[in-house]
C-alpha atoms as a PDB file:
ATOM      1  CA  MET A   1      47.119  60.979  59.619  1.00  0.00           C
ATOM      2  CA  ILE A   2      47.226  57.972  57.314  1.00  0.00           C
ATOM      3  CA  SER A   3      44.113  55.830  57.416  1.00  0.00           C
ATOM      4  CA  LYS A   4      44.453  52.075  57.431  1.00  0.00           C
ATOM      5  CA  ARG A   5      42.480  49.904  55.016  1.00  0.00           C
ATOM      6  CA  THR A   6      41.774  46.326  55.834  1.00  0.00           C
ATOM      7  CA  TYR A   7      41.261  43.853  53.024  1.00  0.00           C
ATOM      8  CA  ARG A   8      39.099  40.866  53.776  1.00  0.00           C
ATOM      9  CA  GLY A   9      40.168  37.712  51.964  1.00  0.00           C
ATOM     10  CA  VAL A  10      38.022  34.806  50.824  1.00  0.00           C
ATOM     11  CA  THR A  11      37.478  32.295  53.550  1.00  0.00           C
ATOM     12  CA  PHE A  12      38.024  28.598  52.988  1.00  0.00           C
ATOM     13  CA  VAL A  13      34.287  27.917  53.302  1.00  0.00           C
ATOM     14  CA  GLU A  14      33.430  30.584  50.708  1.00  0.00           C
ATOM     15  CA  MET A  15      35.999  29.144  48.339  1.00  0.00           C
ATOM     16  CA  ILE A  16      34.528  25.644  48.713  1.00  0.00           C
ATOM     17  CA  VAL A  17      30.997  26.954  48.107  1.00  0.00           C
ATOM     18  CA  THR A  18      32.144  28.857  45.001  1.00  0.00           C
ATOM     19  CA  ILE A  19      33.903  25.792  43.607  1.00  0.00           C
ATOM     20  CA  ALA A  20      30.815  23.651  44.315  1.00  0.00           C
ATOM     21  CA  ILE A  21      28.456  26.079  42.546  1.00  0.00           C
ATOM     22  CA  THR A  22      30.816  26.409  39.584  1.00  0.00           C
ATOM     23  CA  SER A  23      31.127  22.617  39.348  1.00  0.00           C
ATOM     24  CA  ILE A  24      27.341  22.164  39.412  1.00  0.00           C
ATOM     25  CA  ILE A  25      26.924  24.719  36.636  1.00  0.00           C
ATOM     26  CA  MET A  26      29.657  23.076  34.552  1.00  0.00           C
ATOM     27  CA  ILE A  27      28.208  19.592  35.052  1.00  0.00           C
ATOM     28  CA  GLY A  28      24.722  20.785  34.184  1.00  0.00           C
ATOM     29  CA  THR A  29      25.984  22.526  31.053  1.00  0.00           C
ATOM     30  CA  SER A  30      27.968  19.458  30.009  1.00  0.00           C
ATOM     31  CA  LEU A  31      24.975  17.157  30.530  1.00  0.00           C
ATOM     32  CA  PHE A  32      22.818  19.513  28.493  1.00  0.00           C
ATOM     33  CA  PHE A  33      25.219  19.463  25.561  1.00  0.00           C
ATOM     34  CA  VAL A  34      25.688  15.694  25.809  1.00  0.00           C
ATOM     35  CA  ARG A  35      21.916  15.259  25.796  1.00  0.00           C
ATOM     36  CA  MET A  36      21.546  17.587  22.820  1.00  0.00           C
ATOM     37  CA  TRP A  37      24.259  15.737  20.902  1.00  0.00           C
ATOM     38  CA  THR A  38      22.758  12.330  21.722  1.00  0.00           C
ATOM     39  CA  THR A  39      19.312  13.455  20.579  1.00  0.00           C
ATOM     40  CA  HIS A  40      20.711  14.988  17.394  1.00  0.00           C
ATOM     41  CA  HIS A  41      22.723  11.819  16.695  1.00  0.00           C
ATOM     42  CA  PHE A  42      19.674   9.581  17.185  1.00  0.00           C
ATOM     43  CA  VAL A  43      17.460  11.792  15.010  1.00  0.00           C
ATOM     44  CA  PHE A  44      20.074  11.709  12.248  1.00  0.00           C
ATOM     45  CA  LYS A  45      20.555   7.931  12.423  1.00  0.00           C
ATOM     46  CA  SER A  46      16.799   7.361  12.632  1.00  0.00           C
ATOM     47  CA  GLY A  47      16.240   9.594   9.615  1.00  0.00           C
ATOM     48  CA  VAL A  48      18.804   7.739   7.517  1.00  0.00           C
ATOM     49  CA  ALA A  49      17.499   4.309   8.580  1.00  0.00           C
ATOM     50  CA  SER A  50      13.894   5.336   7.894  1.00  0.00           C
ATOM     51  CA  PHE A  51      14.779   6.706   4.460  1.00  0.00           C
ATOM     52  CA  VAL A  52      16.533   3.453   3.517  1.00  0.00           C
ATOM     53  CA  ALA A  53      13.606   1.366   4.808  1.00  0.00           C
ATOM     54  CA  SER A  54      11.082   3.533   2.987  1.00  0.00           C
ATOM     55  CA  LYS A  55      12.995   3.102  -0.278  1.00  0.00           C
ATOM     56  CA  ALA A  56      13.216  -0.670   0.322  1.00  0.00           C
ATOM     57  CA  VAL A  57       9.459  -0.924   0.869  1.00  0.00           C
ATOM     58  CA  GLU A  58       8.798   1.210  -2.212  1.00  0.00           C
ATOM     59  CA  ASP A  59      10.971  -1.076  -4.346  1.00  0.00           C
ATOM     60  CA  ALA A  60       9.356  -4.192  -2.856  1.00  0.00           C
ATOM     61  CA  VAL A  61       5.887  -2.857  -3.665  1.00  0.00           C
ATOM     62  CA  SER A  62       6.833  -2.268  -7.304  1.00  0.00           C
ATOM     63  CA  VAL A  63       8.056  -5.880  -7.620  1.00  0.00           C
ATOM     64  CA  MET A  64       5.113  -7.443  -5.741  1.00  0.00           C
ATOM     65  CA  ARG A  65       2.652  -5.527  -7.881  1.00  0.00           C
ATOM     66  CA  LYS A  66       3.740  -7.456 -10.988  1.00  0.00           C
ATOM     67  CA  ALA A  67       3.615 -10.970  -9.489  1.00  0.00           C
ATOM     68  CA  GLN A  68       2.712 -13.479 -12.184  1.00  0.00           C
ATOM     69  CA  GLN A  69       2.547 -17.163 -13.035  1.00  0.00           C
ATOM     70  CA  ALA A  70       5.872 -18.977 -12.676  1.00  0.00           C
ATOM     71  CA  GLN A  71       7.871 -20.371 -15.606  1.00  0.00           C
ATOM     72  CA  ASN A  72       6.602 -23.835 -14.667  1.00  0.00           C
ATOM     73  CA  GLY A  73       2.962 -22.693 -14.398  1.00  0.00           C
ATOM     74  CA  ALA A  74       2.878 -22.373 -10.596  1.00  0.00           C
ATOM     75  CA  PHE A  75       0.465 -19.896  -8.970  1.00  0.00           C
ATOM     76  CA  PRO A  76       1.917 -16.349  -8.681  1.00  0.00           C
ATOM     77  CA  ILE A  77       2.117 -16.508  -4.869  1.00  0.00           C
ATOM     78  CA  GLU A  78       4.141 -19.344  -3.361  1.00  0.00           C
ATOM     79  CA  LEU A  79       4.211 -18.543   0.377  1.00  0.00           C
ATOM     80  CA  ALA A  80       2.641 -15.931   2.644  1.00  0.00           C
ATOM     81  CA  ASN A  81       2.977 -15.489   6.400  1.00  0.00           C
ATOM     82  CA  GLU A  82       3.668 -12.747   8.942  1.00  0.00           C
ATOM     83  CA  HIS A  83       7.390 -12.388   8.273  1.00  0.00           C
ATOM     84  CA  GLU A  84       7.908 -13.573   4.686  1.00  0.00           C
ATOM     85  CA  PHE A  85       6.249 -13.289   1.281  1.00  0.00           C
ATOM     86  CA  GLU A  86       7.375 -15.435  -1.650  1.00  0.00           C
ATOM     87  CA  PHE A  87       6.061 -15.045  -5.182  1.00  0.00           C
ATOM     88  CA  TYR A  88       7.018 -15.153  -8.852  1.00  0.00           C
ATOM     89  CA  ALA A  89       7.808 -12.105 -10.983  1.00  0.00           C
ATOM     90  CA  ASP A  90      10.115 -10.936 -13.756  1.00  0.00           C
ATOM     91  CA  PHE A  91      12.291  -9.150 -11.237  1.00  0.00           C
ATOM     92  CA  ASP A  92      14.979  -7.855 -13.596  1.00  0.00           C
ATOM     93  CA  ASN A  93      12.773  -7.414 -16.681  1.00  0.00           C
ATOM     94  CA  ASP A  94      14.741  -9.954 -18.728  1.00  0.00           C
ATOM     95  CA  GLY A  95      11.693 -11.925 -19.897  1.00  0.00           C
ATOM     96  CA  VAL A  96      12.330 -14.712 -17.380  1.00  0.00           C
ATOM     97  CA  VAL A  97      10.140 -15.114 -14.301  1.00  0.00           C
ATOM     98  CA  GLU A  98      12.191 -15.420 -11.097  1.00  0.00           C
ATOM     99  CA  LYS A  99      11.101 -16.553  -7.634  1.00  0.00           C
ATOM    100  CA  VAL A 100      11.277 -13.568  -5.281  1.00  0.00           C
ATOM    101  CA  ARG A 101      11.139 -13.714  -1.509  1.00  0.00           C
ATOM    102  CA  TYR A 102      10.984 -10.798   0.915  1.00  0.00           C
ATOM    103  CA  PHE A 103      11.573 -11.641   4.557  1.00  0.00           C
ATOM    104  CA  VAL A 104      12.938 -10.356   7.865  1.00  0.00           C
ATOM    105  CA  GLU A 105      15.878 -12.093   9.493  1.00  0.00           C
ATOM    106  CA  ASP A 106      18.301 -10.841  12.151  1.00  0.00           C
ATOM    107  CA  ASP A 107      16.534  -7.436  12.302  1.00  0.00           C
ATOM    108  CA  THR A 108      17.095  -7.003   8.561  1.00  0.00           C
ATOM    109  CA  PHE A 109      14.614  -6.776   5.694  1.00  0.00           C
ATOM    110  CA  LYS A 110      15.995  -9.005   2.940  1.00  0.00           C
ATOM    111  CA  ARG A 111      15.266  -9.889  -0.668  1.00  0.00           C
ATOM    112  CA  GLU A 112      16.033 -13.296  -2.163  1.00  0.00           C
ATOM    113  CA  VAL A 113      15.853 -13.834  -5.924  1.00  0.00           C
ATOM    114  CA  THR A 114      16.106 -17.347  -7.410  1.00  0.00           C
ATOM    115  CA  GLU A 115      16.516 -17.976 -11.121  1.00  0.00           C
ATOM    116  CA  PRO A 116      14.830 -20.986 -12.761  1.00  0.00           C
ATOM    117  CA  GLY A 117      17.125 -23.805 -13.819  1.00  0.00           C
ATOM    118  CA  ASN A 118      17.358 -25.420 -17.241  1.00  0.00           C
ATOM    119  CA  ASP A 119      15.021 -28.288 -16.384  1.00  0.00           C
ATOM    120  CA  VAL A 120      11.834 -28.930 -18.348  1.00  0.00           C
ATOM    121  CA  PRO A 121       9.521 -27.904 -16.807  1.00  0.00           C
ATOM    122  CA  PRO A 122      11.753 -25.364 -15.023  1.00  0.00           C
ATOM    123  CA  ILE A 123      12.675 -25.935 -11.389  1.00  0.00           C
ATOM    124  CA  TYR A 124      13.726 -22.918  -9.320  1.00  0.00           C
ATOM    125  CA  ASN A 125      17.173 -24.196  -8.395  1.00  0.00           C
ATOM    126  CA  GLY A 126      19.338 -21.751 -10.345  1.00  0.00           C
ATOM    127  CA  ASN A 127      21.395 -18.827  -9.092  1.00  0.00           C
ATOM    128  CA  VAL A 128      20.220 -17.424  -5.757  1.00  0.00           C
ATOM    129  CA  GLU A 129      20.952 -13.844  -4.741  1.00  0.00           C
ATOM    130  CA  VAL A 130      20.149 -12.655  -1.211  1.00  0.00           C
ATOM    131  CA  ARG A 131      20.509  -8.952  -0.459  1.00  0.00           C
ATOM    132  CA  ASP A 132      20.006  -6.888   2.701  1.00  0.00           C
ATOM    133  CA  ILE A 133      17.768  -3.970   1.742  1.00  0.00           C
ATOM    134  CA  ALA A 134      16.929  -2.398   5.123  1.00  0.00           C
ATOM    135  CA  LYS A 135      18.448  -2.799   8.578  1.00  0.00           C
ATOM    136  CA  ASN A 136      17.276  -1.917  12.115  1.00  0.00           C
ATOM    137  CA  VAL A 137      13.892  -3.643  11.675  1.00  0.00           C
ATOM    138  CA  ARG A 138      12.243  -4.122  15.098  1.00  0.00           C
ATOM    139  CA  ASN A 139       8.909  -5.784  14.303  1.00  0.00           C
ATOM    140  CA  ASP A 140       7.771  -7.950  17.207  1.00  0.00           C
ATOM    141  CA  ILE A 141       5.712 -10.679  15.521  1.00  0.00           C
ATOM    142  CA  ALA A 142       4.677 -12.144  18.877  1.00  0.00           C
ATOM    143  CA  SER A 143       3.147  -8.789  19.875  1.00  0.00           C
ATOM    144  CA  GLY A 144       1.177  -8.460  16.661  1.00  0.00           C
ATOM    145  CA  GLU A 145       3.674  -6.364  14.682  1.00  0.00           C
ATOM    146  CA  ALA A 146       3.527  -8.488  11.533  1.00  0.00           C
ATOM    147  CA  VAL A 147       5.724  -7.501   8.611  1.00  0.00           C
ATOM    148  CA  PHE A 148       3.084  -8.680   6.119  1.00  0.00           C
ATOM    149  CA  GLU A 149      -0.713  -8.744   6.300  1.00  0.00           C
ATOM    150  CA  TYR A 150      -2.987 -10.031   3.565  1.00  0.00           C
ATOM    151  CA  TYR A 151      -6.389  -9.162   2.137  1.00  0.00           C
ATOM    152  CA  GLY A 152      -8.440 -11.028  -0.422  1.00  0.00           C
ATOM    153  CA  ILE A 153     -11.479 -13.073  -1.299  1.00  0.00           C
ATOM    154  CA  ASP A 154     -12.629 -13.816   2.244  1.00  0.00           C
ATOM    155  CA  SER A 155     -12.033 -10.278   3.484  1.00  0.00           C
ATOM    156  CA  LYS A 156     -14.016  -8.507   0.716  1.00  0.00           C
ATOM    157  CA  ILE A 157     -11.818  -5.411   0.749  1.00  0.00           C
ATOM    158  CA  TYR A 158     -12.917  -2.689  -1.635  1.00  0.00           C
ATOM    159  CA  LYS A 159     -12.150   0.388   0.476  1.00  0.00           C
ATOM    160  CA  TYR A 160      -9.690   1.403   3.168  1.00  0.00           C
ATOM    161  CA  ASP A 161     -12.035   2.852   5.811  1.00  0.00           C
ATOM    162  CA  ASP A 162     -12.473  -0.488   7.604  1.00  0.00           C
ATOM    163  CA  ILE A 163      -9.265  -2.172   6.521  1.00  0.00           C
ATOM    164  CA  ASN A 164      -8.113  -3.081  10.046  1.00  0.00           C
ATOM    165  CA  THR A 165     -11.048  -5.461  10.448  1.00  0.00           C
ATOM    166  CA  LYS A 166     -10.566  -7.155   7.076  1.00  0.00           C
ATOM    167  CA  VAL A 167      -7.251  -8.982   7.394  1.00  0.00           C
ATOM    168  CA  LEU A 168      -7.168 -12.566   6.106  1.00  0.00           C
ATOM    169  CA  ALA A 169      -6.814 -15.036   8.958  1.00  0.00           C
ATOM    170  CA  THR A 170      -3.591 -17.021   9.206  1.00  0.00           C
ATOM    171  CA  PRO A 171      -2.548 -19.446   7.891  1.00  0.00           C
ATOM    172  CA  VAL A 172      -3.283 -17.636   4.642  1.00  0.00           C
ATOM    173  CA  THR A 173      -4.204 -19.514   1.477  1.00  0.00           C
ATOM    174  CA  PRO A 174      -2.118 -17.943  -1.342  1.00  0.00           C
ATOM    175  CA  ALA A 175      -4.981 -18.215  -3.830  1.00  0.00           C
ATOM    176  CA  ASP A 176      -7.125 -15.937  -1.613  1.00  0.00           C
ATOM    177  CA  ILE A 177      -4.639 -13.042  -1.604  1.00  0.00           C
ATOM    178  CA  ARG A 178      -5.359  -9.944  -3.655  1.00  0.00           C
ATOM    179  CA  MET A 179      -3.626  -7.236  -1.618  1.00  0.00           C
ATOM    180  CA  VAL A 180      -0.611  -7.153   0.712  1.00  0.00           C
ATOM    181  CA  LYS A 181       0.302  -4.688   3.448  1.00  0.00           C
ATOM    182  CA  ILE A 182       3.957  -4.218   4.414  1.00  0.00           C
ATOM    183  CA  VAL A 183       4.848  -2.698   7.788  1.00  0.00           C
ATOM    184  CA  LEU A 184       8.379  -2.129   9.077  1.00  0.00           C
ATOM    185  CA  TYR A 185       9.199  -0.689  12.507  1.00  0.00           C
ATOM    186  CA  ILE A 186      12.602   0.985  12.301  1.00  0.00           C
ATOM    187  CA  ASN A 187      14.829   1.937  15.233  1.00  0.00           C
ATOM    188  CA  PRO A 188      18.637   2.220  15.032  1.00  0.00           C
ATOM    189  CA  GLU A 189      19.024   2.249  18.845  1.00  0.00           C
ATOM    190  CA  PRO A 190      16.319   0.009  20.366  1.00  0.00           C
ATOM    191  CA  VAL A 191      18.105  -0.427  23.705  1.00  0.00           C
ATOM    192  CA  PHE A 192      18.081   3.281  24.480  1.00  0.00           C
ATOM    193  CA  ARG A 193      15.112   4.392  22.357  1.00  0.00           C
ATOM    194  CA  SER A 194      12.674   1.485  22.552  1.00  0.00           C
ATOM    195  CA  PRO A 195       9.468   3.574  22.263  1.00  0.00           C
ATOM    196  CA  ASP A 196      10.769   5.617  19.326  1.00  0.00           C
ATOM    197  CA  ASN A 197      10.200   3.176  16.457  1.00  0.00           C
ATOM    198  CA  VAL A 198       9.463   4.732  13.068  1.00  0.00           C
ATOM    199  CA  ARG A 199       6.616   2.982  11.232  1.00  0.00           C
ATOM    200  CA  ILE A 200       6.994   2.472   7.470  1.00  0.00           C
ATOM    201  CA  GLN A 201       3.829   1.155   5.809  1.00  0.00           C
ATOM    202  CA  SER A 202       2.552   0.539   2.297  1.00  0.00           C
ATOM    203  CA  PHE A 203      -0.144  -1.442   0.463  1.00  0.00           C
ATOM    204  CA  VAL A 204       0.251  -3.276  -2.826  1.00  0.00           C
ATOM    205  CA  VAL A 205      -2.466  -4.699  -5.064  1.00  0.00           C
ATOM    206  CA  VAL A 206      -1.287  -7.690  -7.121  1.00  0.00           C
ATOM    207  CA  ARG A 207      -2.321  -6.675 -10.628  1.00  0.00           C
ATOM    208  CA  ASN A 208      -2.508 -10.118 -12.205  1.00  0.00           C
ATOM    209  CA  LEU A 209      -4.946 -11.313  -9.541  1.00  0.00           C
ATOM    210  CA  THR A 210      -7.419  -8.534 -10.582  1.00  0.00           C
ATOM    211  CA  GLU A 211     -10.609  -7.973  -8.594  1.00  0.00           C
ATOM    212  CA  PHE A 212      -8.981  -5.288  -6.475  1.00  0.00           C
ATOM    213  CA  ASP A 213      -7.982  -2.941  -9.294  1.00  0.00           C
ATOM    214  CA  ASP A 214     -10.667  -0.425  -8.324  1.00  0.00           C
ATOM    215  CA  ILE A 215      -9.328   0.168  -4.816  1.00  0.00           C
ATOM    216  CA  PRO A 216      -8.594   3.899  -4.395  1.00  0.00           C
ATOM    217  CA  THR A 217      -4.968   4.773  -3.710  1.00  0.00           C
END
């Protein structure tokens, strides 16, 4: 006697459930990989932007450190506020003192160098070169994220342990300045990553204004 075997097929409901589960797994896996790629992409872009900003601040510090009297005898520091710092220095080591300005405009840290003209005494109306040196700058001046802060005669800074309470009040008198702090908040994707700003910070003592040469570094 031949026995009969019955084969039970997959019902329509079971097929729908299987497809639904498979779809959920595929969507979850896809979202995971998209999230991983987005995070990796942001970390990479943030790293590059931070490196560029760090190098820009390092270069700015080396120029600010050698601020000196202008060709026409003007005081080494011309202008100082929260988002720009203008001073005189031999920027390109050619024996001529240029006017140098560091400032933030359109989320970009910029450097402006102006050569003195041929007037006697010299007037700084010669060639002007403006260069973008760091992008993705997100300092919010209104919220207290100043690009530049200043320390000097009135603040009596000789050590860093209480530096946050020793900032010169604005408007700053250029003749009072002895030390400058630069702070840049960098974020290549502020819309999507607003809390993830990278902070780049450095201090510079202006050598030719002395008095602060014994500050430990």
